[in-house]
PDB file of N, CA and C in Angstrom:
ATOM      1  N   MET A   1     116.177  93.573 111.225  1.00  0.00           N
ATOM      2  CA  MET A   1     114.935  93.702 110.490  1.00  0.00           C
ATOM      3  C   MET A   1     115.149  93.152 109.075  1.00  0.00           C
ATOM      4  N   SER A   2     114.233  92.338 108.606  1.00  0.00           N
ATOM      5  CA  SER A   2     114.356  91.735 107.276  1.00  0.00           C
ATOM      6  C   SER A   2     114.088  92.781 106.186  1.00  0.00           C
ATOM      7  N   THR A   3     114.487  92.444 104.976  1.00  0.00           N
ATOM      8  CA  THR A   3     114.244  93.329 103.840  1.00  0.00           C
ATOM      9  C   THR A   3     112.750  93.581 103.686  1.00  0.00           C
ATOM     10  N   ASP A   4     111.944  92.537 103.792  1.00  0.00           N
ATOM     11  CA  ASP A   4     110.501  92.674 103.672  1.00  0.00           C
ATOM     12  C   ASP A   4     109.950  93.628 104.732  1.00  0.00           C
ATOM     13  N   GLU A   5     110.432  93.504 105.946  1.00  0.00           N
ATOM     14  CA  GLU A   5     109.989  94.388 107.023  1.00  0.00           C
ATOM     15  C   GLU A   5     110.406  95.831 106.753  1.00  0.00           C
ATOM     16  N   GLN A   6     111.607  96.007 106.240  1.00  0.00           N
ATOM     17  CA  GLN A   6     112.082  97.353 105.913  1.00  0.00           C
ATOM     18  C   GLN A   6     111.241  97.963 104.788  1.00  0.00           C
ATOM     19  N   ILE A   7     110.921  97.175 103.780  1.00  0.00           N
ATOM     20  CA  ILE A   7     110.072  97.657 102.686  1.00  0.00           C
ATOM     21  C   ILE A   7     108.716  98.079 103.234  1.00  0.00           C
ATOM     22  N   ARG A   8     108.140  97.249 104.078  1.00  0.00           N
ATOM     23  CA  ARG A   8     106.820  97.560 104.647  1.00  0.00           C
ATOM     24  C   ARG A   8     106.881  98.808 105.537  1.00  0.00           C
ATOM     25  N   GLU A   9     107.977  99.011 106.228  1.00  0.00           N
ATOM     26  CA  GLU A   9     108.147 100.214 107.045  1.00  0.00           C
ATOM     27  C   GLU A   9     108.192 101.455 106.149  1.00  0.00           C
ATOM     28  N   VAL A  10     108.936 101.364 105.043  1.00  0.00           N
ATOM     29  CA  VAL A  10     108.984 102.473 104.080  1.00  0.00           C
ATOM     30  C   VAL A  10     107.578 102.741 103.544  1.00  0.00           C
ATOM     31  N   LEU A  11     106.859 101.686 103.177  1.00  0.00           N
ATOM     32  CA  LEU A  11     105.505 101.849 102.661  1.00  0.00           C
ATOM     33  C   LEU A  11     104.590 102.491 103.702  1.00  0.00           C
ATOM     34  N   ALA A  12     104.707 102.047 104.940  1.00  0.00           N
ATOM     35  CA  ALA A  12     103.869 102.598 106.012  1.00  0.00           C
ATOM     36  C   ALA A  12     104.112 104.099 106.182  1.00  0.00           C
ATOM     37  N   GLN A  13     105.347 104.514 106.023  1.00  0.00           N
ATOM     38  CA  GLN A  13     105.696 105.916 106.241  1.00  0.00           C
ATOM     39  C   GLN A  13     105.479 106.805 105.021  1.00  0.00           C
ATOM     40  N   HIS A  14     105.574 106.240 103.805  1.00  0.00           N
ATOM     41  CA  HIS A  14     105.628 107.098 102.614  1.00  0.00           C
ATOM     42  C   HIS A  14     104.599 106.799 101.526  1.00  0.00           C
ATOM     43  N   ALA A  15     103.924 105.661 101.565  1.00  0.00           N
ATOM     44  CA  ALA A  15     103.053 105.276 100.447  1.00  0.00           C
ATOM     45  C   ALA A  15     101.624 105.800 100.565  1.00  0.00           C
ATOM     46  N   SER A  16     101.250 106.303 101.729  1.00  0.00           N
ATOM     47  CA  SER A  16      99.883 106.807 101.938  1.00  0.00           C
ATOM     48  C   SER A  16      98.829 105.759 101.571  1.00  0.00           C
ATOM     49  N   LEU A  17      99.066 104.530 102.013  1.00  0.00           N
ATOM     50  CA  LEU A  17      98.130 103.446 101.721  1.00  0.00           C
ATOM     51  C   LEU A  17      96.852 103.598 102.548  1.00  0.00           C
ATOM     52  N   ALA A  18      95.757 103.097 102.000  1.00  0.00           N
ATOM     53  CA  ALA A  18      94.476 103.119 102.708  1.00  0.00           C
ATOM     54  C   ALA A  18      94.366 101.973 103.709  1.00  0.00           C
ATOM     55  N   VAL A  19      95.357 101.069 103.687  1.00  0.00           N
ATOM     56  CA  VAL A  19      95.384  99.912 104.583  1.00  0.00           C
ATOM     57  C   VAL A  19      96.735  99.866 105.284  1.00  0.00           C
ATOM     58  N   ASP A  20      96.824  99.060 106.320  1.00  0.00           N
ATOM     59  CA  ASP A  20      98.076  98.875 107.052  1.00  0.00           C
ATOM     60  C   ASP A  20      99.078  98.136 106.156  1.00  0.00           C
ATOM     61  N   ALA A  21     100.249  98.706 105.963  1.00  0.00           N
ATOM     62  CA  ALA A  21     101.268  98.105 105.095  1.00  0.00           C
ATOM     63  C   ALA A  21     101.647  96.698 105.554  1.00  0.00           C
ATOM     64  N   ALA A  22     101.538  96.428 106.841  1.00  0.00           N
ATOM     65  CA  ALA A  22     101.884  95.105 107.363  1.00  0.00           C
ATOM     66  C   ALA A  22     100.906  94.028 106.906  1.00  0.00           C
ATOM     67  N   THR A  23      99.707  94.431 106.490  1.00  0.00           N
ATOM     68  CA  THR A  23      98.689  93.459 106.094  1.00  0.00           C
ATOM     69  C   THR A  23      98.597  93.248 104.585  1.00  0.00           C
ATOM     70  N   VAL A  24      99.367  94.003 103.823  1.00  0.00           N
ATOM     71  CA  VAL A  24      99.323  93.905 102.357  1.00  0.00           C
ATOM     72  C   VAL A  24     100.046  92.634 101.918  1.00  0.00           C
ATOM     73  N   GLY A  25      99.405  91.854 101.057  1.00  0.00           N
ATOM     74  CA  GLY A  25     100.033  90.646 100.530  1.00  0.00           C
ATOM     75  C   GLY A  25     101.249  90.991  99.677  1.00  0.00           C
ATOM     76  N   ALA A  26     102.190  90.079  99.603  1.00  0.00           N
ATOM     77  CA  ALA A  26     103.440  90.324  98.871  1.00  0.00           C
ATOM     78  C   ALA A  26     103.205  90.673  97.406  1.00  0.00           C
ATOM     79  N   HIS A  27     102.153  90.126  96.819  1.00  0.00           N
ATOM     80  CA  HIS A  27     101.870  90.360  95.401  1.00  0.00           C
ATOM     81  C   HIS A  27     100.687  91.308  95.189  1.00  0.00           C
ATOM     82  N   GLU A  28     100.140  91.828  96.278  1.00  0.00           N
ATOM     83  CA  GLU A  28      98.989  92.723  96.177  1.00  0.00           C
ATOM     84  C   GLU A  28      99.401  94.053  95.554  1.00  0.00           C
ATOM     85  N   ASN A  29      98.551  94.589  94.685  1.00  0.00           N
ATOM     86  CA  ASN A  29      98.854  95.825  93.982  1.00  0.00           C
ATOM     87  C   ASN A  29      98.760  97.012  94.944  1.00  0.00           C
ATOM     88  N   LEU A  30      99.888  97.697  95.138  1.00  0.00           N
ATOM     89  CA  LEU A  30      99.942  98.821  96.070  1.00  0.00           C
ATOM     90  C   LEU A  30      99.116 100.002  95.575  1.00  0.00           C
ATOM     91  N   TYR A  31      99.017 100.163  94.259  1.00  0.00           N
ATOM     92  CA  TYR A  31      98.201 101.250  93.712  1.00  0.00           C
ATOM     93  C   TYR A  31      96.723 101.003  94.013  1.00  0.00           C
ATOM     94  N   SER A  32      96.313  99.748  94.010  1.00  0.00           N
ATOM     95  CA  SER A  32      94.936  99.402  94.379  1.00  0.00           C
ATOM     96  C   SER A  32      94.690  99.628  95.865  1.00  0.00           C
ATOM     97  N   CYS A  33      95.769  99.654  96.633  1.00  0.00           N
ATOM     98  CA  CYS A  33      95.669  99.896  98.080  1.00  0.00           C
ATOM     99  C   CYS A  33      95.745 101.384  98.420  1.00  0.00           C
ATOM    100  N   GLY A  34      95.783 102.232  97.391  1.00  0.00           N
ATOM    101  CA  GLY A  34      95.740 103.666  97.629  1.00  0.00           C
ATOM    102  C   GLY A  34      96.991 104.452  97.301  1.00  0.00           C
ATOM    103  N   MET A  35      98.080 103.788  96.936  1.00  0.00           N
ATOM    104  CA  MET A  35      99.296 104.520  96.628  1.00  0.00           C
ATOM    105  C   MET A  35      99.132 105.272  95.302  1.00  0.00           C
ATOM    106  N   THR A  36      99.528 106.532  95.289  1.00  0.00           N
ATOM    107  CA  THR A  36      99.482 107.336  94.073  1.00  0.00           C
ATOM    108  C   THR A  36     100.856 107.368  93.428  1.00  0.00           C
ATOM    109  N   SER A  37     100.925 107.878  92.210  1.00  0.00           N
ATOM    110  CA  SER A  37     102.234 107.982  91.557  1.00  0.00           C
ATOM    111  C   SER A  37     103.127 108.957  92.323  1.00  0.00           C
ATOM    112  N   HIS A  38     102.548 110.002  92.906  1.00  0.00           N
ATOM    113  CA  HIS A  38     103.333 110.935  93.718  1.00  0.00           C
ATOM    114  C   HIS A  38     103.905 110.218  94.942  1.00  0.00           C
ATOM    115  N   ALA A  39     103.086 109.403  95.585  1.00  0.00           N
ATOM    116  CA  ALA A  39     103.557 108.645  96.749  1.00  0.00           C
ATOM    117  C   ALA A  39     104.633 107.638  96.349  1.00  0.00           C
ATOM    118  N   SER A  40     104.539 107.080  95.139  1.00  0.00           N
ATOM    119  CA  SER A  40     105.560 106.114  94.704  1.00  0.00           C
ATOM    120  C   SER A  40     106.922 106.779  94.576  1.00  0.00           C
ATOM    121  N   VAL A  41     106.947 108.068  94.243  1.00  0.00           N
ATOM    122  CA  VAL A  41     108.223 108.801  94.191  1.00  0.00           C
ATOM    123  C   VAL A  41     108.786 108.935  95.606  1.00  0.00           C
ATOM    124  N   ARG A  42     107.931 109.231  96.565  1.00  0.00           N
ATOM    125  CA  ARG A  42     108.390 109.304  97.964  1.00  0.00           C
ATOM    126  C   ARG A  42     108.922 107.946  98.424  1.00  0.00           C
ATOM    127  N   VAL A  43     108.228 106.873  98.026  1.00  0.00           N
ATOM    128  CA  VAL A  43     108.680 105.519  98.367  1.00  0.00           C
ATOM    129  C   VAL A  43     110.040 105.250  97.753  1.00  0.00           C
ATOM    130  N   MET A  44     110.209 105.603  96.486  1.00  0.00           N
ATOM    131  CA  MET A  44     111.488 105.382  95.813  1.00  0.00           C
ATOM    132  C   MET A  44     112.627 106.099  96.548  1.00  0.00           C
ATOM    133  N   LEU A  45     112.414 107.362  96.900  1.00  0.00           N
ATOM    134  CA  LEU A  45     113.451 108.124  97.596  1.00  0.00           C
ATOM    135  C   LEU A  45     113.743 107.524  98.973  1.00  0.00           C
ATOM    136  N   ALA A  46     112.716 107.084  99.663  1.00  0.00           N
ATOM    137  CA  ALA A  46     112.905 106.462 100.980  1.00  0.00           C
ATOM    138  C   ALA A  46     113.630 105.130 100.860  1.00  0.00           C
ATOM    139  N   LEU A  47     113.331 104.362  99.810  1.00  0.00           N
ATOM    140  CA  LEU A  47     114.052 103.099  99.592  1.00  0.00           C
ATOM    141  C   LEU A  47     115.532 103.367  99.345  1.00  0.00           C
ATOM    142  N   GLU A  48     115.828 104.389  98.559  1.00  0.00           N
ATOM    143  CA  GLU A  48     117.233 104.732  98.304  1.00  0.00           C
ATOM    144  C   GLU A  48     117.946 105.077  99.605  1.00  0.00           C
ATOM    145  N   ASP A  49     117.292 105.840 100.474  1.00  0.00           N
ATOM    146  CA  ASP A  49     117.892 106.198 101.764  1.00  0.00           C
ATOM    147  C   ASP A  49     118.021 104.983 102.674  1.00  0.00           C
ATOM    148  N   THR A  50     116.979 104.196 102.767  1.00  0.00           N
ATOM    149  CA  THR A  50     116.957 103.048 103.678  1.00  0.00           C
ATOM    150  C   THR A  50     117.992 102.001 103.306  1.00  0.00           C
ATOM    151  N   PHE A  51     118.121 101.724 102.005  1.00  0.00           N
ATOM    152  CA  PHE A  51     119.015 100.664 101.545  1.00  0.00           C
ATOM    153  C   PHE A  51     120.333 101.188 100.991  1.00  0.00           C
ATOM    154  N   ASP A  52     120.537 102.508 101.071  1.00  0.00           N
ATOM    155  CA  ASP A  52     121.773 103.148 100.612  1.00  0.00           C
ATOM    156  C   ASP A  52     122.123 102.728  99.179  1.00  0.00           C
ATOM    157  N   VAL A  53     121.147 102.902  98.296  1.00  0.00           N
ATOM    158  CA  VAL A  53     121.312 102.570  96.875  1.00  0.00           C
ATOM    159  C   VAL A  53     120.792 103.731  96.037  1.00  0.00           C
ATOM    160  N   GLU A  54     121.150 103.709  94.761  1.00  0.00           N
ATOM    161  CA  GLU A  54     120.549 104.612  93.796  1.00  0.00           C
ATOM    162  C   GLU A  54     119.819 103.742  92.783  1.00  0.00           C
ATOM    163  N   ILE A  55     118.540 103.982  92.642  1.00  0.00           N
ATOM    164  CA  ILE A  55     117.738 103.175  91.730  1.00  0.00           C
ATOM    165  C   ILE A  55     117.992 103.667  90.305  1.00  0.00           C
ATOM    166  N   PRO A  56     118.499 102.791  89.435  1.00  0.00           N
ATOM    167  CA  PRO A  56     118.800 103.187  88.055  1.00  0.00           C
ATOM    168  C   PRO A  56     117.535 103.606  87.301  1.00  0.00           C
ATOM    169  N   ASP A  57     117.718 104.527  86.373  1.00  0.00           N
ATOM    170  CA  ASP A  57     116.594 105.020  85.569  1.00  0.00           C
ATOM    171  C   ASP A  57     115.809 103.898  84.902  1.00  0.00           C
ATOM    172  N   SER A  58     116.493 102.839  84.527  1.00  0.00           N
ATOM    173  CA  SER A  58     115.823 101.738  83.827  1.00  0.00           C
ATOM    174  C   SER A  58     114.764 101.051  84.695  1.00  0.00           C
ATOM    175  N   TYR A  59     114.809 101.267  86.006  1.00  0.00           N
ATOM    176  CA  TYR A  59     113.831 100.670  86.922  1.00  0.00           C
ATOM    177  C   TYR A  59     112.709 101.640  87.300  1.00  0.00           C
ATOM    178  N   LEU A  60     112.776 102.853  86.807  1.00  0.00           N
ATOM    179  CA  LEU A  60     111.785 103.856  87.179  1.00  0.00           C
ATOM    180  C   LEU A  60     110.527 103.700  86.329  1.00  0.00           C
ATOM    181  N   ARG A  61     109.790 102.658  86.665  1.00  0.00           N
ATOM    182  CA  ARG A  61     108.528 102.331  85.996  1.00  0.00           C
ATOM    183  C   ARG A  61     107.492 102.025  87.075  1.00  0.00           C
ATOM    184  N   LYS A  62     106.255 102.242  86.738  1.00  0.00           N
ATOM    185  CA  LYS A  62     105.171 101.978  87.690  1.00  0.00           C
ATOM    186  C   LYS A  62     105.220 100.547  88.204  1.00  0.00           C
ATOM    187  N   GLU A  63     105.511  99.598  87.317  1.00  0.00           N
ATOM    188  CA  GLU A  63     105.518  98.184  87.679  1.00  0.00           C
ATOM    189  C   GLU A  63     106.561  97.862  88.758  1.00  0.00           C
ATOM    190  N   THR A  64     107.643  98.615  88.796  1.00  0.00           N
ATOM    191  CA  THR A  64     108.713  98.370  89.768  1.00  0.00           C
ATOM    192  C   THR A  64     108.212  98.546  91.194  1.00  0.00           C
ATOM    193  N   PHE A  65     107.271  99.453  91.388  1.00  0.00           N
ATOM    194  CA  PHE A  65     106.799  99.783  92.728  1.00  0.00           C
ATOM    195  C   PHE A  65     105.366  99.300  92.964  1.00  0.00           C
ATOM    196  N   GLU A  66     104.943  98.323  92.164  1.00  0.00           N
ATOM    197  CA  GLU A  66     103.573  97.847  92.169  1.00  0.00           C
ATOM    198  C   GLU A  66     103.224  96.957  93.366  1.00  0.00           C
ATOM    199  N   SER A  67     104.220  96.279  93.926  1.00  0.00           N
ATOM    200  CA  SER A  67     103.950  95.358  95.037  1.00  0.00           C
ATOM    201  C   SER A  67     105.193  95.234  95.912  1.00  0.00           C
ATOM    202  N   VAL A  68     104.999  94.661  97.077  1.00  0.00           N
ATOM    203  CA  VAL A  68     106.133  94.400  97.963  1.00  0.00           C
ATOM    204  C   VAL A  68     107.121  93.476  97.246  1.00  0.00           C
ATOM    205  N   GLU A  69     106.611  92.478  96.552  1.00  0.00           N
ATOM    206  CA  GLU A  69     107.484  91.531  95.838  1.00  0.00           C
ATOM    207  C   GLU A  69     108.260  92.221  94.716  1.00  0.00           C
ATOM    208  N   SER A  70     107.626  93.107  93.956  1.00  0.00           N
ATOM    209  CA  SER A  70     108.346  93.782  92.867  1.00  0.00           C
ATOM    210  C   SER A  70     109.425  94.705  93.427  1.00  0.00           C
ATOM    211  N   ILE A  71     109.179  95.323  94.562  1.00  0.00           N
ATOM    212  CA  ILE A  71     110.196  96.153  95.207  1.00  0.00           C
ATOM    213  C   ILE A  71     111.335  95.270  95.712  1.00  0.00           C
ATOM    214  N   SER A  72     110.990  94.136  96.278  1.00  0.00           N
ATOM    215  CA  SER A  72     112.004  93.192  96.746  1.00  0.00           C
ATOM    216  C   SER A  72     112.876  92.711  95.587  1.00  0.00           C
ATOM    217  N   GLU A  73     112.248  92.415  94.440  1.00  0.00           N
ATOM    218  CA  GLU A  73     113.003  92.006  93.253  1.00  0.00           C
ATOM    219  C   GLU A  73     113.953  93.110  92.801  1.00  0.00           C
ATOM    220  N   LEU A  74     113.465  94.345  92.830  1.00  0.00           N
ATOM    221  CA  LEU A  74     114.313  95.491  92.493  1.00  0.00           C
ATOM    222  C   LEU A  74     115.540  95.528  93.386  1.00  0.00           C
ATOM    223  N   LEU A  75     115.327  95.417  94.673  1.00  0.00           N
ATOM    224  CA  LEU A  75     116.443  95.497  95.615  1.00  0.00           C
ATOM    225  C   LEU A  75     117.425  94.341  95.437  1.00  0.00           C
ATOM    226  N   ARG A  76     116.914  93.156  95.156  1.00  0.00           N
ATOM    227  CA  ARG A  76     117.824  92.024  94.886  1.00  0.00           C
ATOM    228  C   ARG A  76     118.668  92.282  93.656  1.00  0.00           C
ATOM    229  N   ALA A  77     118.094  92.967  92.680  1.00  0.00           N
ATOM    230  CA  ALA A  77     118.811  93.237  91.424  1.00  0.00           C
ATOM    231  C   ALA A  77     119.870  94.317  91.578  1.00  0.00           C
ATOM    232  N   ILE A  78     119.659  95.288  92.452  1.00  0.00           N
ATOM    233  CA  ILE A  78     120.589  96.429  92.516  1.00  0.00           C
ATOM    234  C   ILE A  78     121.452  96.500  93.761  1.00  0.00           C
ATOM    235  N   CYS A  79     121.098  95.768  94.796  1.00  0.00           N
ATOM    236  CA  CYS A  79     121.890  95.816  96.034  1.00  0.00           C
ATOM    237  C   CYS A  79     123.097  94.906  95.910  1.00  0.00           C
ATOM    238  N   PRO A  80     124.231  95.392  96.376  1.00  0.00           N
ATOM    239  CA  PRO A  80     125.411  94.529  96.355  1.00  0.00           C
ATOM    240  C   PRO A  80     125.222  93.320  97.274  1.00  0.00           C
ATOM    241  N   VAL A  81     125.737  92.219  96.847  1.00  0.00           N
ATOM    242  CA  VAL A  81     125.675  90.993  97.651  1.00  0.00           C
ATOM    243  C   VAL A  81     126.754  91.082  98.736  1.00  0.00           C
ATOM    244  N   PRO A  82     126.359  90.908  99.990  1.00  0.00           N
ATOM    245  CA  PRO A  82     127.373  90.956 101.054  1.00  0.00           C
ATOM    246  C   PRO A  82     128.396  89.840 100.901  1.00  0.00           C
ATOM    247  N   SER A  83     129.653  90.149 101.199  1.00  0.00           N
ATOM    248  CA  SER A  83     130.705  89.133 101.069  1.00  0.00           C
ATOM    249  C   SER A  83     130.995  88.458 102.387  1.00  0.00           C
TER     250      SER A  83
END
């Protein structure tokens, strides 16, 4: 499963979106799609579990979880590069 697919699976399970997570554009605002700040915390915790990472405090901003692309950028920044 690709990173994008994994992100969308997390969103489908935890973001409480008003639309199907699979249909959300990469740059579409997730908050406009129904995600609340409370749901974004659930998404953050699920991302940490799914990708086995700890999201640094410096990334704990609304903008970090605003879109599939911003979440993908976060993961590229904090996930170790496979050798």
